[in-house]
Amino acid sequence: MWGCRPRACCCRFGAAGRRLTVVLDPHRWLELRRFRPLYESGAMSLREIARETGLNRRTVGK
C-alpha cells in the first residue's frame, strides 16, 4: 500500500482502461508521509488519514 516512489504518483485506470497518473505536489506528499508510522502501527486507518489530509482514500492507499 505504501509502495509509491518519492515522486508521489498514484495510478488509476480511466473509463477506457488506460492508466491515469495523479501526481501530488511535494507539500501534499510530505503531509501524507507523516501518517505512515501511524498507519503501520494500526493507530489510524486509511479512511482516517484521508479525512485528515483531504485526499481520496484510494490515493492515500496507493
N, C-alpha and C. Protein backbone atom coordinates (compact mmCIF):
# COMPACT_ATOMS: atom_id res chain seq x y z
N MET A 1 0.80 -1.20 0.00
CA MET A 1 0.00 0.00 0.00
C MET A 1 0.84 1.26 0.00
N TRP A 2 1.92 1.26 0.69
CA TRP A 2 2.76 2.45 0.76
C TRP A 2 3.96 2.31 -0.14
N GLY A 3 3.81 1.69 -1.30
CA GLY A 3 4.93 1.42 -2.18
C GLY A 3 5.19 2.49 -3.21
N CYS A 4 4.59 3.67 -3.10
CA CYS A 4 4.82 4.71 -4.09
C CYS A 4 6.26 5.21 -4.04
N ARG A 5 6.71 5.62 -5.17
CA ARG A 5 8.05 6.18 -5.25
C ARG A 5 8.05 7.62 -4.75
N PRO A 6 9.20 8.19 -4.45
CA PRO A 6 9.27 9.54 -3.89
C PRO A 6 8.61 10.62 -4.74
N ARG A 7 8.42 10.38 -6.03
CA ARG A 7 7.78 11.41 -6.84
C ARG A 7 6.28 11.49 -6.59
N ALA A 8 5.76 10.60 -5.79
CA ALA A 8 4.39 10.65 -5.29
C ALA A 8 3.34 10.45 -6.37
N CYS A 9 3.51 9.46 -7.19
CA CYS A 9 2.48 9.21 -8.20
C CYS A 9 1.52 8.15 -7.70
N CYS A 10 0.28 8.32 -8.05
CA CYS A 10 -0.75 7.36 -7.73
C CYS A 10 -1.48 7.02 -9.02
N CYS A 11 -1.49 5.78 -9.39
CA CYS A 11 -2.04 5.37 -10.67
C CYS A 11 -3.48 4.90 -10.53
N ARG A 12 -4.28 5.27 -11.49
CA ARG A 12 -5.66 4.85 -11.57
C ARG A 12 -5.94 4.45 -13.01
N PHE A 13 -7.07 3.80 -13.24
CA PHE A 13 -7.47 3.44 -14.58
C PHE A 13 -8.70 4.22 -14.97
N GLY A 14 -8.66 4.82 -16.16
CA GLY A 14 -9.78 5.60 -16.65
C GLY A 14 -10.85 4.71 -17.26
N ALA A 15 -11.88 5.34 -17.82
CA ALA A 15 -13.01 4.62 -18.38
C ALA A 15 -12.58 3.72 -19.55
N ALA A 16 -11.59 4.15 -20.31
CA ALA A 16 -11.14 3.37 -21.46
C ALA A 16 -10.11 2.31 -21.06
N GLY A 17 -9.84 2.17 -19.78
CA GLY A 17 -8.89 1.17 -19.31
C GLY A 17 -7.45 1.65 -19.34
N ARG A 18 -7.23 2.89 -19.73
CA ARG A 18 -5.87 3.43 -19.74
C ARG A 18 -5.48 3.89 -18.35
N ARG A 19 -4.23 3.80 -18.04
CA ARG A 19 -3.74 4.20 -16.72
C ARG A 19 -3.64 5.73 -16.65
N LEU A 20 -4.23 6.29 -15.62
CA LEU A 20 -4.15 7.72 -15.35
C LEU A 20 -3.23 7.92 -14.16
N THR A 21 -2.41 8.93 -14.19
CA THR A 21 -1.49 9.19 -13.10
C THR A 21 -1.84 10.51 -12.42
N VAL A 22 -1.96 10.46 -11.11
CA VAL A 22 -2.21 11.65 -10.32
C VAL A 22 -0.92 11.94 -9.57
N VAL A 23 -0.38 13.13 -9.77
CA VAL A 23 0.87 13.48 -9.11
C VAL A 23 0.58 14.50 -8.02
N LEU A 24 1.01 14.17 -6.81
CA LEU A 24 0.84 15.08 -5.69
C LEU A 24 2.01 16.06 -5.64
N ASP A 25 1.72 17.29 -5.26
CA ASP A 25 2.82 18.25 -5.12
C ASP A 25 3.65 17.86 -3.88
N PRO A 26 4.89 18.31 -3.81
CA PRO A 26 5.78 17.88 -2.71
C PRO A 26 5.22 18.15 -1.31
N HIS A 27 4.53 19.26 -1.14
CA HIS A 27 3.98 19.58 0.18
C HIS A 27 2.94 18.53 0.60
N ARG A 28 2.03 18.18 -0.32
CA ARG A 28 1.00 17.19 -0.02
C ARG A 28 1.61 15.82 0.24
N TRP A 29 2.66 15.49 -0.54
CA TRP A 29 3.34 14.20 -0.37
C TRP A 29 3.96 14.10 1.01
N LEU A 30 4.65 15.17 1.46
CA LEU A 30 5.26 15.15 2.79
C LEU A 30 4.20 15.08 3.89
N GLU A 31 3.09 15.78 3.68
CA GLU A 31 2.00 15.74 4.65
C GLU A 31 1.46 14.31 4.77
N LEU A 32 1.31 13.64 3.65
CA LEU A 32 0.81 12.28 3.66
C LEU A 32 1.80 11.32 4.30
N ARG A 33 3.09 11.48 4.04
CA ARG A 33 4.12 10.58 4.56
C ARG A 33 4.23 10.61 6.08
N ARG A 34 3.86 11.71 6.70
CA ARG A 34 3.99 11.74 8.17
C ARG A 34 2.97 10.85 8.86
N PHE A 35 1.95 10.39 8.12
CA PHE A 35 0.96 9.48 8.69
C PHE A 35 1.35 8.01 8.55
N ARG A 36 2.41 7.72 7.82
CA ARG A 36 2.81 6.34 7.56
C ARG A 36 3.04 5.52 8.83
N PRO A 37 3.82 6.02 9.80
CA PRO A 37 4.03 5.23 11.03
C PRO A 37 2.73 4.96 11.79
N LEU A 38 1.82 5.92 11.77
CA LEU A 38 0.54 5.72 12.45
C LEU A 38 -0.28 4.62 11.76
N TYR A 39 -0.25 4.60 10.44
CA TYR A 39 -0.96 3.57 9.70
C TYR A 39 -0.34 2.19 9.94
N GLU A 40 0.99 2.12 9.88
CA GLU A 40 1.67 0.84 10.04
C GLU A 40 1.51 0.28 11.46
N SER A 41 1.38 1.15 12.43
CA SER A 41 1.19 0.67 13.81
C SER A 41 -0.28 0.34 14.11
N GLY A 42 -1.16 0.68 13.19
CA GLY A 42 -2.58 0.40 13.39
C GLY A 42 -3.32 1.48 14.14
N ALA A 43 -2.67 2.59 14.41
CA ALA A 43 -3.30 3.67 15.16
C ALA A 43 -4.31 4.45 14.32
N MET A 44 -4.13 4.47 13.01
CA MET A 44 -5.05 5.18 12.11
C MET A 44 -5.35 4.30 10.91
N SER A 45 -6.56 4.42 10.40
CA SER A 45 -6.94 3.70 9.18
C SER A 45 -6.72 4.61 7.98
N LEU A 46 -6.79 4.02 6.78
CA LEU A 46 -6.66 4.82 5.56
C LEU A 46 -7.77 5.85 5.48
N ARG A 47 -8.95 5.49 5.90
CA ARG A 47 -10.08 6.42 5.87
C ARG A 47 -9.83 7.63 6.77
N GLU A 48 -9.29 7.38 7.95
CA GLU A 48 -8.99 8.48 8.88
C GLU A 48 -7.89 9.39 8.32
N ILE A 49 -6.88 8.79 7.71
CA ILE A 49 -5.80 9.58 7.11
C ILE A 49 -6.34 10.41 5.96
N ALA A 50 -7.19 9.82 5.13
CA ALA A 50 -7.79 10.55 4.01
C ALA A 50 -8.61 11.74 4.51
N ARG A 51 -9.38 11.51 5.56
CA ARG A 51 -10.18 12.59 6.13
C ARG A 51 -9.29 13.70 6.67
N GLU A 52 -8.20 13.34 7.32
CA GLU A 52 -7.29 14.32 7.91
C GLU A 52 -6.54 15.13 6.85
N THR A 53 -6.15 14.49 5.75
CA THR A 53 -5.36 15.16 4.71
C THR A 53 -6.21 15.78 3.62
N GLY A 54 -7.48 15.38 3.52
CA GLY A 54 -8.33 15.91 2.47
C GLY A 54 -8.14 15.21 1.13
N LEU A 55 -7.48 14.06 1.13
CA LEU A 55 -7.26 13.30 -0.09
C LEU A 55 -8.27 12.17 -0.19
N ASN A 56 -8.40 11.62 -1.38
CA ASN A 56 -9.25 10.46 -1.60
C ASN A 56 -8.64 9.25 -0.90
N ARG A 57 -9.49 8.37 -0.36
CA ARG A 57 -8.98 7.18 0.35
C ARG A 57 -8.15 6.31 -0.56
N ARG A 58 -8.51 6.19 -1.81
CA ARG A 58 -7.74 5.37 -2.74
C ARG A 58 -6.36 5.97 -3.01
N THR A 59 -6.29 7.29 -3.08
CA THR A 59 -5.00 7.96 -3.27
C THR A 59 -4.12 7.72 -2.06
N VAL A 60 -4.68 7.80 -0.88
CA VAL A 60 -3.92 7.56 0.36
C VAL A 60 -3.40 6.13 0.38
N GLY A 61 -4.20 5.18 -0.05
CA GLY A 61 -3.80 3.78 -0.04
C GLY A 61 -2.67 3.46 -1.00
N LYS A 62 -2.56 4.24 -2.04
CA LYS A 62 -1.51 3.98 -3.03
C LYS A 62 -0.27 4.74 -2.70
